[in-house]
Amino acid sequence: MQLTDIHPKLPMRNKAKTLAFYTQKLGFSTVGSTDYPDYLMLCKDQIEIHFFAFADLNPSENYAQVYIRVQDIDALYQLWIAQGIAIHPNGALSVKPWGVKEFALLDDDMNLLTFGEVLN
C-alpha cells in the first residue's frame, strides 16, 4: 500500500476570480473538461489544487494553507515579481533555519501559498 498524490482543497468565494488569478497570474491550467458550478480543479506541472465554493467565507478568518515544493525557486520568485504578483508581506524569499528557501503569497480568498526548495 502506498500514498501517491495529494490534492489540497481550498475555499473560494468567486469561481471566476479564483480561476483568473491562478490561470492568468500563476500559470495554472484547468483539469478536465467538465465545468462544475461549485468546484474547480487546477494544475501546474506536477501539482493539482482543488477549490470548493464557500460564498460566505470571511477572508480575514481564512487560515487555509498549502506548502508547495519547487525546483529553481529563485527563477519562479523573480518571474512572479516581474509579473507584479504580490508577495505576502512576511513572505519574501529567504532561507529558513530548517534548510529551505521559501516565499509565500496570498490569493484573493487569503489562502496562503508557500513555495519552498530544499537546499543541499
PDB file of N, CA and C in Angstrom:
ATOM      1  N   MET A   1       0.850  -1.171   0.000  1.00  0.00           N
ATOM      2  CA  MET A   1       0.000   0.000   0.000  1.00  0.00           C
ATOM      3  C   MET A   1       0.899   1.239   0.000  1.00  0.00           C
ATOM      4  N   GLN A   2       0.483   2.287  -0.763  1.00  0.00           N
ATOM      5  CA  GLN A   2       1.310   3.473  -0.894  1.00  0.00           C
ATOM      6  C   GLN A   2       0.459   4.697  -1.173  1.00  0.00           C
ATOM      7  N   LEU A   3       0.760   5.801  -0.516  1.00  0.00           N
ATOM      8  CA  LEU A   3       0.131   7.077  -0.843  1.00  0.00           C
ATOM      9  C   LEU A   3       0.864   7.649  -2.052  1.00  0.00           C
ATOM     10  N   THR A   4       0.142   8.179  -3.028  1.00  0.00           N
ATOM     11  CA  THR A   4       0.808   8.600  -4.264  1.00  0.00           C
ATOM     12  C   THR A   4       0.696  10.084  -4.587  1.00  0.00           C
ATOM     13  N   ASP A   5      -0.361  10.745  -4.209  1.00  0.00           N
ATOM     14  CA  ASP A   5      -0.545  12.151  -4.539  1.00  0.00           C
ATOM     15  C   ASP A   5      -1.383  12.819  -3.459  1.00  0.00           C
ATOM     16  N   ILE A   6      -1.340  14.139  -3.461  1.00  0.00           N
ATOM     17  CA  ILE A   6      -2.237  14.900  -2.604  1.00  0.00           C
ATOM     18  C   ILE A   6      -2.753  16.081  -3.412  1.00  0.00           C
ATOM     19  N   HIS A   7      -4.028  16.340  -3.299  1.00  0.00           N
ATOM     20  CA  HIS A   7      -4.668  17.461  -3.989  1.00  0.00           C
ATOM     21  C   HIS A   7      -5.425  18.274  -2.947  1.00  0.00           C
ATOM     22  N   PRO A   8      -4.778  19.290  -2.391  1.00  0.00           N
ATOM     23  CA  PRO A   8      -5.461  20.080  -1.362  1.00  0.00           C
ATOM     24  C   PRO A   8      -6.708  20.760  -1.910  1.00  0.00           C
ATOM     25  N   LYS A   9      -7.677  20.961  -1.031  1.00  0.00           N
ATOM     26  CA  LYS A   9      -8.934  21.621  -1.388  1.00  0.00           C
ATOM     27  C   LYS A   9      -9.023  22.908  -0.579  1.00  0.00           C
ATOM     28  N   LEU A  10      -9.106  24.029  -1.286  1.00  0.00           N
ATOM     29  CA  LEU A  10      -9.137  25.343  -0.657  1.00  0.00           C
ATOM     30  C   LEU A  10     -10.472  26.026  -0.918  1.00  0.00           C
ATOM     31  N   PRO A  11     -10.897  26.895  -0.027  1.00  0.00           N
ATOM     32  CA  PRO A  11     -12.164  27.602  -0.234  1.00  0.00           C
ATOM     33  C   PRO A  11     -12.012  28.735  -1.253  1.00  0.00           C
ATOM     34  N   MET A  12     -13.096  29.002  -1.963  1.00  0.00           N
ATOM     35  CA  MET A  12     -13.144  30.135  -2.895  1.00  0.00           C
ATOM     36  C   MET A  12     -14.508  30.791  -2.796  1.00  0.00           C
ATOM     37  N   ARG A  13     -14.513  32.110  -2.831  1.00  0.00           N
ATOM     38  CA  ARG A  13     -15.777  32.851  -2.810  1.00  0.00           C
ATOM     39  C   ARG A  13     -16.335  33.049  -4.201  1.00  0.00           C
ATOM     40  N   ASN A  14     -15.462  33.203  -5.177  1.00  0.00           N
ATOM     41  CA  ASN A  14     -15.895  33.523  -6.534  1.00  0.00           C
ATOM     42  C   ASN A  14     -15.073  32.690  -7.505  1.00  0.00           C
ATOM     43  N   LYS A  15     -15.716  31.745  -8.157  1.00  0.00           N
ATOM     44  CA  LYS A  15     -15.016  30.817  -9.041  1.00  0.00           C
ATOM     45  C   LYS A  15     -14.298  31.540 -10.182  1.00  0.00           C
ATOM     46  N   ALA A  16     -14.940  32.520 -10.796  1.00  0.00           N
ATOM     47  CA  ALA A  16     -14.329  33.241 -11.922  1.00  0.00           C
ATOM     48  C   ALA A  16     -13.064  33.975 -11.487  1.00  0.00           C
ATOM     49  N   LYS A  17     -13.105  34.602 -10.318  1.00  0.00           N
ATOM     50  CA  LYS A  17     -11.922  35.318  -9.820  1.00  0.00           C
ATOM     51  C   LYS A  17     -10.799  34.347  -9.464  1.00  0.00           C
ATOM     52  N   THR A  18     -11.152  33.238  -8.844  1.00  0.00           N
ATOM     53  CA  THR A  18     -10.140  32.236  -8.497  1.00  0.00           C
ATOM     54  C   THR A  18      -9.503  31.678  -9.761  1.00  0.00           C
ATOM     55  N   LEU A  19     -10.322  31.332 -10.728  1.00  0.00           N
ATOM     56  CA  LEU A  19      -9.816  30.811 -11.999  1.00  0.00           C
ATOM     57  C   LEU A  19      -8.885  31.819 -12.658  1.00  0.00           C
ATOM     58  N   ALA A  20      -9.280  33.072 -12.706  1.00  0.00           N
ATOM     59  CA  ALA A  20      -8.461  34.108 -13.340  1.00  0.00           C
ATOM     60  C   ALA A  20      -7.124  34.279 -12.619  1.00  0.00           C
ATOM     61  N   PHE A  21      -7.138  34.338 -11.292  1.00  0.00           N
ATOM     62  CA  PHE A  21      -5.895  34.522 -10.543  1.00  0.00           C
ATOM     63  C   PHE A  21      -4.917  33.393 -10.820  1.00  0.00           C
ATOM     64  N   TYR A  22      -5.378  32.164 -10.695  1.00  0.00           N
ATOM     65  CA  TYR A  22      -4.474  31.032 -10.834  1.00  0.00           C
ATOM     66  C   TYR A  22      -4.041  30.782 -12.280  1.00  0.00           C
ATOM     67  N   THR A  23      -4.919  30.989 -13.238  1.00  0.00           N
ATOM     68  CA  THR A  23      -4.541  30.726 -14.630  1.00  0.00           C
ATOM     69  C   THR A  23      -3.805  31.901 -15.260  1.00  0.00           C
ATOM     70  N   GLN A  24      -4.314  33.104 -15.068  1.00  0.00           N
ATOM     71  CA  GLN A  24      -3.716  34.262 -15.733  1.00  0.00           C
ATOM     72  C   GLN A  24      -2.477  34.788 -15.023  1.00  0.00           C
ATOM     73  N   LYS A  25      -2.424  34.681 -13.713  1.00  0.00           N
ATOM     74  CA  LYS A  25      -1.279  35.206 -12.972  1.00  0.00           C
ATOM     75  C   LYS A  25      -0.242  34.144 -12.640  1.00  0.00           C
ATOM     76  N   LEU A  26      -0.689  32.976 -12.169  1.00  0.00           N
ATOM     77  CA  LEU A  26       0.261  31.964 -11.710  1.00  0.00           C
ATOM     78  C   LEU A  26       0.548  30.879 -12.741  1.00  0.00           C
ATOM     79  N   GLY A  27      -0.187  30.864 -13.852  1.00  0.00           N
ATOM     80  CA  GLY A  27       0.105  29.920 -14.923  1.00  0.00           C
ATOM     81  C   GLY A  27      -0.465  28.530 -14.759  1.00  0.00           C
ATOM     82  N   PHE A  28      -1.498  28.374 -13.937  1.00  0.00           N
ATOM     83  CA  PHE A  28      -2.164  27.084 -13.787  1.00  0.00           C
ATOM     84  C   PHE A  28      -3.095  26.841 -14.981  1.00  0.00           C
ATOM     85  N   SER A  29      -3.508  25.597 -15.146  1.00  0.00           N
ATOM     86  CA  SER A  29      -4.480  25.196 -16.170  1.00  0.00           C
ATOM     87  C   SER A  29      -5.615  24.434 -15.503  1.00  0.00           C
ATOM     88  N   THR A  30      -6.752  24.409 -16.160  1.00  0.00           N
ATOM     89  CA  THR A  30      -7.872  23.638 -15.622  1.00  0.00           C
ATOM     90  C   THR A  30      -7.632  22.151 -15.845  1.00  0.00           C
ATOM     91  N   VAL A  31      -8.210  21.352 -14.974  1.00  0.00           N
ATOM     92  CA  VAL A  31      -8.124  19.898 -15.071  1.00  0.00           C
ATOM     93  C   VAL A  31      -9.445  19.395 -15.615  1.00  0.00           C
ATOM     94  N   GLY A  32      -9.397  18.592 -16.657  1.00  0.00           N
ATOM     95  CA  GLY A  32     -10.608  18.020 -17.230  1.00  0.00           C
ATOM     96  C   GLY A  32     -11.390  19.034 -18.059  1.00  0.00           C
ATOM     97  N   SER A  33     -12.504  18.552 -18.600  1.00  0.00           N
ATOM     98  CA  SER A  33     -13.328  19.407 -19.460  1.00  0.00           C
ATOM     99  C   SER A  33     -14.702  19.687 -18.871  1.00  0.00           C
ATOM    100  N   THR A  34     -15.012  19.084 -17.743  1.00  0.00           N
ATOM    101  CA  THR A  34     -16.311  19.313 -17.114  1.00  0.00           C
ATOM    102  C   THR A  34     -16.237  20.542 -16.218  1.00  0.00           C
ATOM    103  N   ASP A  35     -17.238  21.414 -16.348  1.00  0.00           N
ATOM    104  CA  ASP A  35     -17.307  22.614 -15.517  1.00  0.00           C
ATOM    105  C   ASP A  35     -18.316  22.371 -14.402  1.00  0.00           C
ATOM    106  N   TYR A  36     -17.814  22.203 -13.190  1.00  0.00           N
ATOM    107  CA  TYR A  36     -18.687  22.008 -12.036  1.00  0.00           C
ATOM    108  C   TYR A  36     -19.005  23.373 -11.441  1.00  0.00           C
ATOM    109  N   PRO A  37     -20.256  23.671 -11.164  1.00  0.00           N
ATOM    110  CA  PRO A  37     -20.624  25.015 -10.707  1.00  0.00           C
ATOM    111  C   PRO A  37     -19.944  25.455  -9.414  1.00  0.00           C
ATOM    112  N   ASP A  38     -19.742  24.538  -8.484  1.00  0.00           N
ATOM    113  CA  ASP A  38     -19.206  24.907  -7.174  1.00  0.00           C
ATOM    114  C   ASP A  38     -17.847  24.283  -6.883  1.00  0.00           C
ATOM    115  N   TYR A  39     -17.134  23.890  -7.926  1.00  0.00           N
ATOM    116  CA  TYR A  39     -15.863  23.197  -7.732  1.00  0.00           C
ATOM    117  C   TYR A  39     -14.929  23.544  -8.871  1.00  0.00           C
ATOM    118  N   LEU A  40     -13.641  23.629  -8.570  1.00  0.00           N
ATOM    119  CA  LEU A  40     -12.648  23.992  -9.568  1.00  0.00           C
ATOM    120  C   LEU A  40     -11.397  23.160  -9.322  1.00  0.00           C
ATOM    121  N   MET A  41     -10.848  22.583 -10.378  1.00  0.00           N
ATOM    122  CA  MET A  41      -9.618  21.801 -10.286  1.00  0.00           C
ATOM    123  C   MET A  41      -8.581  22.430 -11.213  1.00  0.00           C
ATOM    124  N   LEU A  42      -7.423  22.751 -10.648  1.00  0.00           N
ATOM    125  CA  LEU A  42      -6.356  23.403 -11.410  1.00  0.00           C
ATOM    126  C   LEU A  42      -5.048  22.659 -11.225  1.00  0.00           C
ATOM    127  N   CYS A  43      -4.175  22.745 -12.235  1.00  0.00           N
ATOM    128  CA  CYS A  43      -2.885  22.085 -12.131  1.00  0.00           C
ATOM    129  C   CYS A  43      -1.794  22.959 -12.738  1.00  0.00           C
ATOM    130  N   LYS A  44      -0.578  22.704 -12.280  1.00  0.00           N
ATOM    131  CA  LYS A  44       0.625  23.323 -12.832  1.00  0.00           C
ATOM    132  C   LYS A  44       1.752  22.337 -12.592  1.00  0.00           C
ATOM    133  N   ASP A  45       2.428  21.972 -13.666  1.00  0.00           N
ATOM    134  CA  ASP A  45       3.498  20.986 -13.590  1.00  0.00           C
ATOM    135  C   ASP A  45       2.963  19.718 -12.929  1.00  0.00           C
ATOM    136  N   GLN A  46       3.539  19.280 -11.799  1.00  0.00           N
ATOM    137  CA  GLN A  46       3.076  18.041 -11.168  1.00  0.00           C
ATOM    138  C   GLN A  46       2.133  18.247  -9.990  1.00  0.00           C
ATOM    139  N   ILE A  47       1.639  19.459  -9.790  1.00  0.00           N
ATOM    140  CA  ILE A  47       0.733  19.653  -8.659  1.00  0.00           C
ATOM    141  C   ILE A  47      -0.673  19.971  -9.127  1.00  0.00           C
ATOM    142  N   GLU A  48      -1.608  19.688  -8.263  1.00  0.00           N
ATOM    143  CA  GLU A  48      -3.019  19.946  -8.531  1.00  0.00           C
ATOM    144  C   GLU A  48      -3.635  20.512  -7.253  1.00  0.00           C
ATOM    145  N   ILE A  49      -4.408  21.580  -7.417  1.00  0.00           N
ATOM    146  CA  ILE A  49      -5.127  22.186  -6.297  1.00  0.00           C
ATOM    147  C   ILE A  49      -6.598  22.238  -6.665  1.00  0.00           C
ATOM    148  N   HIS A  50      -7.451  21.862  -5.734  1.00  0.00           N
ATOM    149  CA  HIS A  50      -8.898  21.917  -5.935  1.00  0.00           C
ATOM    150  C   HIS A  50      -9.469  23.041  -5.075  1.00  0.00           C
ATOM    151  N   PHE A  51     -10.579  23.593  -5.521  1.00  0.00           N
ATOM    152  CA  PHE A  51     -11.251  24.673  -4.805  1.00  0.00           C
ATOM    153  C   PHE A  51     -12.729  24.352  -4.705  1.00  0.00           C
ATOM    154  N   PHE A  52     -13.317  24.657  -3.555  1.00  0.00           N
ATOM    155  CA  PHE A  52     -14.742  24.445  -3.351  1.00  0.00           C
ATOM    156  C   PHE A  52     -15.405  25.781  -3.055  1.00  0.00           C
ATOM    157  N   ALA A  53     -16.637  25.937  -3.506  1.00  0.00           N
ATOM    158  CA  ALA A  53     -17.369  27.185  -3.301  1.00  0.00           C
ATOM    159  C   ALA A  53     -17.657  27.389  -1.819  1.00  0.00           C
ATOM    160  N   PHE A  54     -17.373  28.584  -1.349  1.00  0.00           N
ATOM    161  CA  PHE A  54     -17.651  28.977   0.026  1.00  0.00           C
ATOM    162  C   PHE A  54     -17.974  30.468  -0.023  1.00  0.00           C
ATOM    163  N   ALA A  55     -19.168  30.780  -0.478  1.00  0.00           N
ATOM    164  CA  ALA A  55     -19.590  32.166  -0.715  1.00  0.00           C
ATOM    165  C   ALA A  55     -19.533  33.019   0.543  1.00  0.00           C
ATOM    166  N   ASP A  56     -19.755  32.417   1.700  1.00  0.00           N
ATOM    167  CA  ASP A  56     -19.777  33.174   2.950  1.00  0.00           C
ATOM    168  C   ASP A  56     -18.413  33.249   3.644  1.00  0.00           C
ATOM    169  N   LEU A  57     -17.365  32.810   2.968  1.00  0.00           N
ATOM    170  CA  LEU A  57     -16.031  32.852   3.554  1.00  0.00           C
ATOM    171  C   LEU A  57     -15.655  34.288   3.905  1.00  0.00           C
ATOM    172  N   ASN A  58     -15.179  34.463   5.119  1.00  0.00           N
ATOM    173  CA  ASN A  58     -14.631  35.743   5.542  1.00  0.00           C
ATOM    174  C   ASN A  58     -13.116  35.622   5.372  1.00  0.00           C
ATOM    175  N   PRO A  59     -12.531  36.284   4.362  1.00  0.00           N
ATOM    176  CA  PRO A  59     -11.096  36.108   4.101  1.00  0.00           C
ATOM    177  C   PRO A  59     -10.214  36.394   5.308  1.00  0.00           C
ATOM    178  N   SER A  60     -10.623  37.322   6.171  1.00  0.00           N
ATOM    179  CA  SER A  60      -9.801  37.627   7.336  1.00  0.00           C
ATOM    180  C   SER A  60      -9.815  36.500   8.366  1.00  0.00           C
ATOM    181  N   GLU A  61     -10.703  35.528   8.191  1.00  0.00           N
ATOM    182  CA  GLU A  61     -10.770  34.375   9.085  1.00  0.00           C
ATOM    183  C   GLU A  61     -10.367  33.078   8.395  1.00  0.00           C
ATOM    184  N   ASN A  62      -9.798  33.190   7.206  1.00  0.00           N
ATOM    185  CA  ASN A  62      -9.386  32.010   6.452  1.00  0.00           C
ATOM    186  C   ASN A  62      -7.946  31.654   6.805  1.00  0.00           C
ATOM    187  N   TYR A  63      -7.745  30.458   7.317  1.00  0.00           N
ATOM    188  CA  TYR A  63      -6.421  30.011   7.700  1.00  0.00           C
ATOM    189  C   TYR A  63      -5.920  28.877   6.805  1.00  0.00           C
ATOM    190  N   ALA A  64      -6.542  28.696   5.634  1.00  0.00           N
ATOM    191  CA  ALA A  64      -6.137  27.631   4.716  1.00  0.00           C
ATOM    192  C   ALA A  64      -4.734  27.913   4.184  1.00  0.00           C
ATOM    193  N   GLN A  65      -3.926  26.862   4.139  1.00  0.00           N
ATOM    194  CA  GLN A  65      -2.545  26.987   3.697  1.00  0.00           C
ATOM    195  C   GLN A  65      -2.130  25.759   2.893  1.00  0.00           C
ATOM    196  N   VAL A  66      -1.267  25.997   1.920  1.00  0.00           N
ATOM    197  CA  VAL A  66      -0.692  24.907   1.140  1.00  0.00           C
ATOM    198  C   VAL A  66       0.806  25.160   1.025  1.00  0.00           C
ATOM    199  N   TYR A  67       1.586  24.118   1.199  1.00  0.00           N
ATOM    200  CA  TYR A  67       3.043  24.205   1.034  1.00  0.00           C
ATOM    201  C   TYR A  67       3.396  23.455  -0.238  1.00  0.00           C
ATOM    202  N   ILE A  68       4.087  24.124  -1.151  1.00  0.00           N
ATOM    203  CA  ILE A  68       4.395  23.551  -2.463  1.00  0.00           C
ATOM    204  C   ILE A  68       5.906  23.515  -2.658  1.00  0.00           C
ATOM    205  N   ARG A  69       6.453  22.336  -2.848  1.00  0.00           N
ATOM    206  CA  ARG A  69       7.881  22.192  -3.144  1.00  0.00           C
ATOM    207  C   ARG A  69       8.113  22.562  -4.608  1.00  0.00           C
ATOM    208  N   VAL A  70       9.218  23.262  -4.862  1.00  0.00           N
ATOM    209  CA  VAL A  70       9.537  23.699  -6.220  1.00  0.00           C
ATOM    210  C   VAL A  70      11.002  23.431  -6.535  1.00  0.00           C
ATOM    211  N   GLN A  71      11.318  23.479  -7.806  1.00  0.00           N
ATOM    212  CA  GLN A  71      12.699  23.463  -8.277  1.00  0.00           C
ATOM    213  C   GLN A  71      12.974  24.838  -8.871  1.00  0.00           C
ATOM    214  N   ASP A  72      14.144  25.368  -8.619  1.00  0.00           N
ATOM    215  CA  ASP A  72      14.576  26.684  -9.103  1.00  0.00           C
ATOM    216  C   ASP A  72      13.663  27.790  -8.571  1.00  0.00           C
ATOM    217  N   ILE A  73      13.592  27.859  -7.252  1.00  0.00           N
ATOM    218  CA  ILE A  73      12.717  28.825  -6.593  1.00  0.00           C
ATOM    219  C   ILE A  73      13.107  30.268  -6.913  1.00  0.00           C
ATOM    220  N   ASP A  74      14.393  30.502  -7.118  1.00  0.00           N
ATOM    221  CA  ASP A  74      14.828  31.867  -7.450  1.00  0.00           C
ATOM    222  C   ASP A  74      14.197  32.339  -8.753  1.00  0.00           C
ATOM    223  N   ALA A  75      14.194  31.481  -9.758  1.00  0.00           N
ATOM    224  CA  ALA A  75      13.615  31.840 -11.061  1.00  0.00           C
ATOM    225  C   ALA A  75      12.109  32.063 -10.943  1.00  0.00           C
ATOM    226  N   LEU A  76      11.423  31.197 -10.196  1.00  0.00           N
ATOM    227  CA  LEU A  76       9.975  31.350 -10.022  1.00  0.00           C
ATOM    228  C   LEU A  76       9.657  32.656  -9.309  1.00  0.00           C
ATOM    229  N   TYR A  77      10.389  32.940  -8.258  1.00  0.00           N
ATOM    230  CA  TYR A  77      10.186  34.171  -7.495  1.00  0.00           C
ATOM    231  C   TYR A  77      10.400  35.393  -8.387  1.00  0.00           C
ATOM    232  N   GLN A  78      11.502  35.410  -9.124  1.00  0.00           N
ATOM    233  CA  GLN A  78      11.794  36.557  -9.990  1.00  0.00           C
ATOM    234  C   GLN A  78      10.761  36.714 -11.099  1.00  0.00           C
ATOM    235  N   LEU A  79      10.283  35.607 -11.649  1.00  0.00           N
ATOM    236  CA  LEU A  79       9.245  35.656 -12.678  1.00  0.00           C
ATOM    237  C   LEU A  79       7.985  36.307 -12.131  1.00  0.00           C
ATOM    238  N   TRP A  80       7.542  35.853 -10.972  1.00  0.00           N
ATOM    239  CA  TRP A  80       6.308  36.389 -10.414  1.00  0.00           C
ATOM    240  C   TRP A  80       6.470  37.826  -9.934  1.00  0.00           C
ATOM    241  N   ILE A  81       7.632  38.187  -9.435  1.00  0.00           N
ATOM    242  CA  ILE A  81       7.891  39.586  -9.074  1.00  0.00           C
ATOM    243  C   ILE A  81       7.798  40.447 -10.340  1.00  0.00           C
ATOM    244  N   ALA A  82       8.432  40.004 -11.420  1.00  0.00           N
ATOM    245  CA  ALA A  82       8.416  40.755 -12.677  1.00  0.00           C
ATOM    246  C   ALA A  82       7.001  40.901 -13.235  1.00  0.00           C
ATOM    247  N   GLN A  83       6.141  39.923 -12.954  1.00  0.00           N
ATOM    248  CA  GLN A  83       4.753  39.959 -13.430  1.00  0.00           C
ATOM    249  C   GLN A  83       3.847  40.743 -12.484  1.00  0.00           C
ATOM    250  N   GLY A  84       4.401  41.246 -11.401  1.00  0.00           N
ATOM    251  CA  GLY A  84       3.613  42.039 -10.465  1.00  0.00           C
ATOM    252  C   GLY A  84       2.790  41.234  -9.490  1.00  0.00           C
ATOM    253  N   ILE A  85       3.119  39.957  -9.307  1.00  0.00           N
ATOM    254  CA  ILE A  85       2.413  39.129  -8.325  1.00  0.00           C
ATOM    255  C   ILE A  85       2.791  39.632  -6.931  1.00  0.00           C
ATOM    256  N   ALA A  86       1.794  39.883  -6.111  1.00  0.00           N
ATOM    257  CA  ALA A  86       2.049  40.385  -4.760  1.00  0.00           C
ATOM    258  C   ALA A  86       2.542  39.260  -3.862  1.00  0.00           C
ATOM    259  N   ILE A  87       3.700  39.464  -3.268  1.00  0.00           N
ATOM    260  CA  ILE A  87       4.263  38.515  -2.314  1.00  0.00           C
ATOM    261  C   ILE A  87       3.713  38.872  -0.936  1.00  0.00           C
ATOM    262  N   HIS A  88       3.463  37.864  -0.118  1.00  0.00           N
ATOM    263  CA  HIS A  88       2.965  38.086   1.245  1.00  0.00           C
ATOM    264  C   HIS A  88       3.898  39.058   1.963  1.00  0.00           C
ATOM    265  N   PRO A  89       3.351  40.000   2.728  1.00  0.00           N
ATOM    266  CA  PRO A  89       4.200  40.974   3.425  1.00  0.00           C
ATOM    267  C   PRO A  89       5.289  40.348   4.300  1.00  0.00           C
ATOM    268  N   ASN A  90       5.021  39.179   4.846  1.00  0.00           N
ATOM    269  CA  ASN A  90       6.018  38.481   5.663  1.00  0.00           C
ATOM    270  C   ASN A  90       6.614  37.289   4.924  1.00  0.00           C
ATOM    271  N   GLY A  91       6.436  37.259   3.590  1.00  0.00           N
ATOM    272  CA  GLY A  91       6.812  36.061   2.850  1.00  0.00           C
ATOM    273  C   GLY A  91       7.833  36.255   1.762  1.00  0.00           C
ATOM    274  N   ALA A  92       8.695  37.265   1.884  1.00  0.00           N
ATOM    275  CA  ALA A  92       9.734  37.465   0.871  1.00  0.00           C
ATOM    276  C   ALA A  92      10.664  36.254   0.822  1.00  0.00           C
ATOM    277  N   LEU A  93      11.281  36.052  -0.311  1.00  0.00           N
ATOM    278  CA  LEU A  93      12.201  34.936  -0.496  1.00  0.00           C
ATOM    279  C   LEU A  93      13.322  35.003   0.536  1.00  0.00           C
ATOM    280  N   SER A  94      13.488  33.912   1.275  1.00  0.00           N
ATOM    281  CA  SER A  94      14.539  33.859   2.285  1.00  0.00           C
ATOM    282  C   SER A  94      14.873  32.407   2.604  1.00  0.00           C
ATOM    283  N   VAL A  95      16.052  32.225   3.152  1.00  0.00           N
ATOM    284  CA  VAL A  95      16.483  30.902   3.595  1.00  0.00           C
ATOM    285  C   VAL A  95      16.054  30.731   5.046  1.00  0.00           C
ATOM    286  N   LYS A  96      15.373  29.656   5.298  1.00  0.00           N
ATOM    287  CA  LYS A  96      14.860  29.370   6.640  1.00  0.00           C
ATOM    288  C   LYS A  96      15.862  28.512   7.426  1.00  0.00           C
ATOM    289  N   PRO A  97      15.776  28.556   8.768  1.00  0.00           N
ATOM    290  CA  PRO A  97      16.711  27.777   9.597  1.00  0.00           C
ATOM    291  C   PRO A  97      16.657  26.274   9.334  1.00  0.00           C
ATOM    292  N   TRP A  98      15.564  25.789   8.771  1.00  0.00           N
ATOM    293  CA  TRP A  98      15.424  24.350   8.518  1.00  0.00           C
ATOM    294  C   TRP A  98      15.986  23.951   7.161  1.00  0.00           C
ATOM    295  N   GLY A  99      16.748  24.851   6.494  1.00  0.00           N
ATOM    296  CA  GLY A  99      17.455  24.498   5.264  1.00  0.00           C
ATOM    297  C   GLY A  99      16.614  24.548   4.008  1.00  0.00           C
ATOM    298  N   VAL A 100      15.586  25.387   4.008  1.00  0.00           N
ATOM    299  CA  VAL A 100      14.704  25.516   2.849  1.00  0.00           C
ATOM    300  C   VAL A 100      14.617  26.991   2.477  1.00  0.00           C
ATOM    301  N   LYS A 101      14.693  27.276   1.175  1.00  0.00           N
ATOM    302  CA  LYS A 101      14.481  28.637   0.696  1.00  0.00           C
ATOM    303  C   LYS A 101      13.003  28.745   0.349  1.00  0.00           C
ATOM    304  N   GLU A 102      12.331  29.776   0.896  1.00  0.00           N
ATOM    305  CA  GLU A 102      10.870  29.882   0.765  1.00  0.00           C
ATOM    306  C   GLU A 102      10.428  31.298   0.433  1.00  0.00           C
ATOM    307  N   PHE A 103       9.219  31.369  -0.137  1.00  0.00           N
ATOM    308  CA  PHE A 103       8.467  32.611  -0.215  1.00  0.00           C
ATOM    309  C   PHE A 103       6.992  32.255  -0.176  1.00  0.00           C
ATOM    310  N   ALA A 104       6.141  33.260   0.061  1.00  0.00           N
ATOM    311  CA  ALA A 104       4.708  32.991   0.194  1.00  0.00           C
ATOM    312  C   ALA A 104       3.897  34.103  -0.448  1.00  0.00           C
ATOM    313  N   LEU A 105       2.688  33.750  -0.837  1.00  0.00           N
ATOM    314  CA  LEU A 105       1.737  34.726  -1.359  1.00  0.00           C
ATOM    315  C   LEU A 105       0.336  34.324  -0.953  1.00  0.00           C
ATOM    316  N   LEU A 106      -0.581  35.262  -1.088  1.00  0.00           N
ATOM    317  CA  LEU A 106      -1.991  35.035  -0.771  1.00  0.00           C
ATOM    318  C   LEU A 106      -2.823  35.186  -2.024  1.00  0.00           C
ATOM    319  N   ASP A 107      -3.830  34.329  -2.177  1.00  0.00           N
ATOM    320  CA  ASP A 107      -4.774  34.542  -3.272  1.00  0.00           C
ATOM    321  C   ASP A 107      -5.880  35.478  -2.787  1.00  0.00           C
ATOM    322  N   ASP A 108      -6.875  35.725  -3.630  1.00  0.00           N
ATOM    323  CA  ASP A 108      -7.938  36.678  -3.300  1.00  0.00           C
ATOM    324  C   ASP A 108      -8.775  36.267  -2.090  1.00  0.00           C
ATOM    325  N   ASP A 109      -8.759  34.979  -1.745  1.00  0.00           N
ATOM    326  CA  ASP A 109      -9.526  34.491  -0.603  1.00  0.00           C
ATOM    327  C   ASP A 109      -8.666  34.327   0.641  1.00  0.00           C
ATOM    328  N   MET A 110      -7.438  34.791   0.555  1.00  0.00           N
ATOM    329  CA  MET A 110      -6.457  34.724   1.639  1.00  0.00           C
ATOM    330  C   MET A 110      -6.013  33.297   1.940  1.00  0.00           C
ATOM    331  N   ASN A 111      -6.062  32.433   0.921  1.00  0.00           N
ATOM    332  CA  ASN A 111      -5.424  31.132   1.023  1.00  0.00           C
ATOM    333  C   ASN A 111      -3.925  31.384   0.907  1.00  0.00           C
ATOM    334  N   LEU A 112      -3.150  30.894   1.867  1.00  0.00           N
ATOM    335  CA  LEU A 112      -1.711  31.103   1.880  1.00  0.00           C
ATOM    336  C   LEU A 112      -1.028  30.010   1.069  1.00  0.00           C
ATOM    337  N   LEU A 113      -0.242  30.422   0.080  1.00  0.00           N
ATOM    338  CA  LEU A 113       0.552  29.509  -0.732  1.00  0.00           C
ATOM    339  C   LEU A 113       2.018  29.760  -0.396  1.00  0.00           C
ATOM    340  N   THR A 114       2.666  28.758   0.180  1.00  0.00           N
ATOM    341  CA  THR A 114       4.081  28.870   0.484  1.00  0.00           C
ATOM    342  C   THR A 114       4.833  27.941  -0.463  1.00  0.00           C
ATOM    343  N   PHE A 115       5.897  28.484  -1.064  1.00  0.00           N
ATOM    344  CA  PHE A 115       6.711  27.737  -2.026  1.00  0.00           C
ATOM    345  C   PHE A 115       8.088  27.539  -1.406  1.00  0.00           C
ATOM    346  N   GLY A 116       8.609  26.332  -1.484  1.00  0.00           N
ATOM    347  CA  GLY A 116       9.898  26.043  -0.869  1.00  0.00           C
ATOM    348  C   GLY A 116      10.756  25.119  -1.677  1.00  0.00           C
ATOM    349  N   GLU A 117      12.061  25.351  -1.592  1.00  0.00           N
ATOM    350  CA  GLU A 117      13.047  24.475  -2.243  1.00  0.00           C
ATOM    351  C   GLU A 117      14.087  24.089  -1.207  1.00  0.00           C
ATOM    352  N   VAL A 118      14.313  22.793  -1.063  1.00  0.00           N
ATOM    353  CA  VAL A 118      15.304  22.296  -0.118  1.00  0.00           C
ATOM    354  C   VAL A 118      16.696  22.628  -0.645  1.00  0.00           C
ATOM    355  N   LEU A 119      17.516  23.175   0.230  1.00  0.00           N
ATOM    356  CA  LEU A 119      18.891  23.499  -0.132  1.00  0.00           C
ATOM    357  C   LEU A 119      19.792  22.302   0.180  1.00  0.00           C
ATOM    358  N   ASN A 120      20.731  22.046  -0.681  1.00  0.00           N
ATOM    359  CA  ASN A 120      21.650  20.917  -0.455  1.00  0.00           C
ATOM    360  C   ASN A 120      22.926  21.354   0.183  1.00  0.00           C
TER     361      ASN A 120
END
